[in-house]
Amino acid sequence: MENLTGQKVWLVKSELGKTWGVIGVFDNVLATEKFAEEKYREWTGDEEFTWGRGKTAQEIHIETSTQPLDGKLIISEYPVRSK
């Protein structure tokens, strides 16, 4: 039987066009938000963007040399379980 440990993890997921995946796993919500903020800035070139405290998703638009990509950065919180 699995028991909740009282700990949590946060995943940063990206959905760009038809592609999605987990791009980061953290045990600290502030580090999670900072990582998502840095990825958004890197991908969009918007150096002034800040990830709002407690925010769970951000629409994203990326201009590429071949085609623009629309999608989201998503932060999800999960409880840690042990066996």
C-alpha atoms as a PDB file:
ATOM      1  CA  MET A   1       0.000   0.000   0.000  1.00  0.00           C
ATOM      2  CA  GLU A   2       1.238   3.491  -0.846  1.00  0.00           C
ATOM      3  CA  ASN A   3       1.270   6.238   1.770  1.00  0.00           C
ATOM      4  CA  LEU A   4       1.461   9.979   1.296  1.00  0.00           C
ATOM      5  CA  THR A   5       4.739  11.296   2.724  1.00  0.00           C
ATOM      6  CA  GLY A   6       3.622  14.900   3.191  1.00  0.00           C
ATOM      7  CA  GLN A   7       6.198  16.004   0.615  1.00  0.00           C
ATOM      8  CA  LYS A   8       5.396  17.443  -2.799  1.00  0.00           C
ATOM      9  CA  VAL A   9       7.082  17.692  -6.184  1.00  0.00           C
ATOM     10  CA  TRP A  10       6.404  20.181  -8.971  1.00  0.00           C
ATOM     11  CA  LEU A  11       6.682  19.397 -12.673  1.00  0.00           C
ATOM     12  CA  VAL A  12       7.184  21.947 -15.426  1.00  0.00           C
ATOM     13  CA  LYS A  13       5.546  20.760 -18.634  1.00  0.00           C
ATOM     14  CA  SER A  14       5.660  22.362 -22.045  1.00  0.00           C
ATOM     15  CA  GLU A  15       3.073  22.047 -24.775  1.00  0.00           C
ATOM     16  CA  LEU A  16       4.324  23.520 -28.043  1.00  0.00           C
ATOM     17  CA  GLY A  17       2.287  22.834 -31.135  1.00  0.00           C
ATOM     18  CA  LYS A  18       1.511  19.111 -31.054  1.00  0.00           C
ATOM     19  CA  THR A  19       4.539  18.282 -28.896  1.00  0.00           C
ATOM     20  CA  TRP A  20       4.480  18.122 -25.097  1.00  0.00           C
ATOM     21  CA  GLY A  21       6.734  16.832 -22.354  1.00  0.00           C
ATOM     22  CA  VAL A  22       8.074  17.267 -18.841  1.00  0.00           C
ATOM     23  CA  ILE A  23      11.051  19.616 -18.909  1.00  0.00           C
ATOM     24  CA  GLY A  24      11.766  19.878 -15.177  1.00  0.00           C
ATOM     25  CA  VAL A  25      11.024  18.194 -11.831  1.00  0.00           C
ATOM     26  CA  PHE A  26      11.591  20.076  -8.573  1.00  0.00           C
ATOM     27  CA  ASP A  27      11.071  19.661  -4.828  1.00  0.00           C
ATOM     28  CA  ASN A  28      10.818  23.430  -4.277  1.00  0.00           C
ATOM     29  CA  VAL A  29       8.037  25.616  -5.703  1.00  0.00           C
ATOM     30  CA  LEU A  30      10.220  28.737  -5.942  1.00  0.00           C
ATOM     31  CA  ALA A  31      12.849  26.888  -7.987  1.00  0.00           C
ATOM     32  CA  THR A  32      10.053  25.551 -10.189  1.00  0.00           C
ATOM     33  CA  GLU A  33       8.679  29.024 -10.874  1.00  0.00           C
ATOM     34  CA  LYS A  34      12.178  30.419 -11.540  1.00  0.00           C
ATOM     35  CA  PHE A  35      12.895  27.615 -14.029  1.00  0.00           C
ATOM     36  CA  ALA A  36       9.590  28.217 -15.858  1.00  0.00           C
ATOM     37  CA  GLU A  37      10.320  31.949 -15.947  1.00  0.00           C
ATOM     38  CA  GLU A  38      13.805  31.355 -17.383  1.00  0.00           C
ATOM     39  CA  LYS A  39      12.461  28.988 -20.059  1.00  0.00           C
ATOM     40  CA  TYR A  40       9.797  31.517 -21.077  1.00  0.00           C
ATOM     41  CA  ARG A  41      12.412  34.285 -21.344  1.00  0.00           C
ATOM     42  CA  GLU A  42      14.797  32.048 -23.298  1.00  0.00           C
ATOM     43  CA  TRP A  43      12.157  30.907 -25.776  1.00  0.00           C
ATOM     44  CA  THR A  44      10.408  34.248 -26.347  1.00  0.00           C
ATOM     45  CA  GLY A  45      13.203  36.778 -25.842  1.00  0.00           C
ATOM     46  CA  ASP A  46      11.037  38.676 -23.305  1.00  0.00           C
ATOM     47  CA  GLU A  47      13.650  39.537 -20.661  1.00  0.00           C
ATOM     48  CA  GLU A  48      11.145  41.397 -18.462  1.00  0.00           C
ATOM     49  CA  PHE A  49       8.694  38.512 -18.017  1.00  0.00           C
ATOM     50  CA  THR A  50       8.127  37.328 -14.438  1.00  0.00           C
ATOM     51  CA  TRP A  51       6.250  34.213 -13.376  1.00  0.00           C
ATOM     52  CA  GLY A  52       3.528  35.195 -10.897  1.00  0.00           C
ATOM     53  CA  ARG A  53       3.587  33.504  -7.486  1.00  0.00           C
ATOM     54  CA  GLY A  54       1.135  30.603  -7.499  1.00  0.00           C
ATOM     55  CA  LYS A  55       0.572  30.829 -11.263  1.00  0.00           C
ATOM     56  CA  THR A  56       0.039  27.418 -12.876  1.00  0.00           C
ATOM     57  CA  ALA A  57       0.129  28.112 -16.633  1.00  0.00           C
ATOM     58  CA  GLN A  58       1.424  30.635 -19.144  1.00  0.00           C
ATOM     59  CA  GLU A  59       0.492  30.946 -22.815  1.00  0.00           C
ATOM     60  CA  ILE A  60       3.590  31.068 -25.013  1.00  0.00           C
ATOM     61  CA  HIS A  61       4.240  32.148 -28.600  1.00  0.00           C
ATOM     62  CA  ILE A  62       7.612  31.383 -30.180  1.00  0.00           C
ATOM     63  CA  GLU A  63       8.764  32.723 -33.542  1.00  0.00           C
ATOM     64  CA  THR A  64      11.050  30.226 -35.293  1.00  0.00           C
ATOM     65  CA  SER A  65      12.791  30.354 -38.656  1.00  0.00           C
ATOM     66  CA  THR A  66      10.347  27.816 -40.113  1.00  0.00           C
ATOM     67  CA  GLN A  67       7.035  28.447 -38.361  1.00  0.00           C
ATOM     68  CA  PRO A  68       5.606  30.064 -35.229  1.00  0.00           C
ATOM     69  CA  LEU A  69       4.750  27.812 -32.291  1.00  0.00           C
ATOM     70  CA  ASP A  70       1.924  28.424 -29.848  1.00  0.00           C
ATOM     71  CA  GLY A  71       1.564  26.552 -26.599  1.00  0.00           C
ATOM     72  CA  LYS A  72       1.832  26.671 -22.816  1.00  0.00           C
ATOM     73  CA  LEU A  73       4.204  26.253 -19.926  1.00  0.00           C
ATOM     74  CA  ILE A  74       2.423  24.454 -17.092  1.00  0.00           C
ATOM     75  CA  ILE A  75       3.372  23.879 -13.448  1.00  0.00           C
ATOM     76  CA  SER A  76       1.715  20.885 -11.781  1.00  0.00           C
ATOM     77  CA  GLU A  77       1.961  19.902  -8.105  1.00  0.00           C
ATOM     78  CA  TYR A  78       1.935  16.257  -7.008  1.00  0.00           C
ATOM     79  CA  PRO A  79       2.092  14.605  -3.568  1.00  0.00           C
ATOM     80  CA  VAL A  80       4.984  12.192  -3.006  1.00  0.00           C
ATOM     81  CA  ARG A  81       3.987   8.628  -2.204  1.00  0.00           C
ATOM     82  CA  SER A  82       6.023   5.809  -0.709  1.00  0.00           C
ATOM     83  CA  LYS A  83       5.421   2.085  -0.611  1.00  0.00           C
END
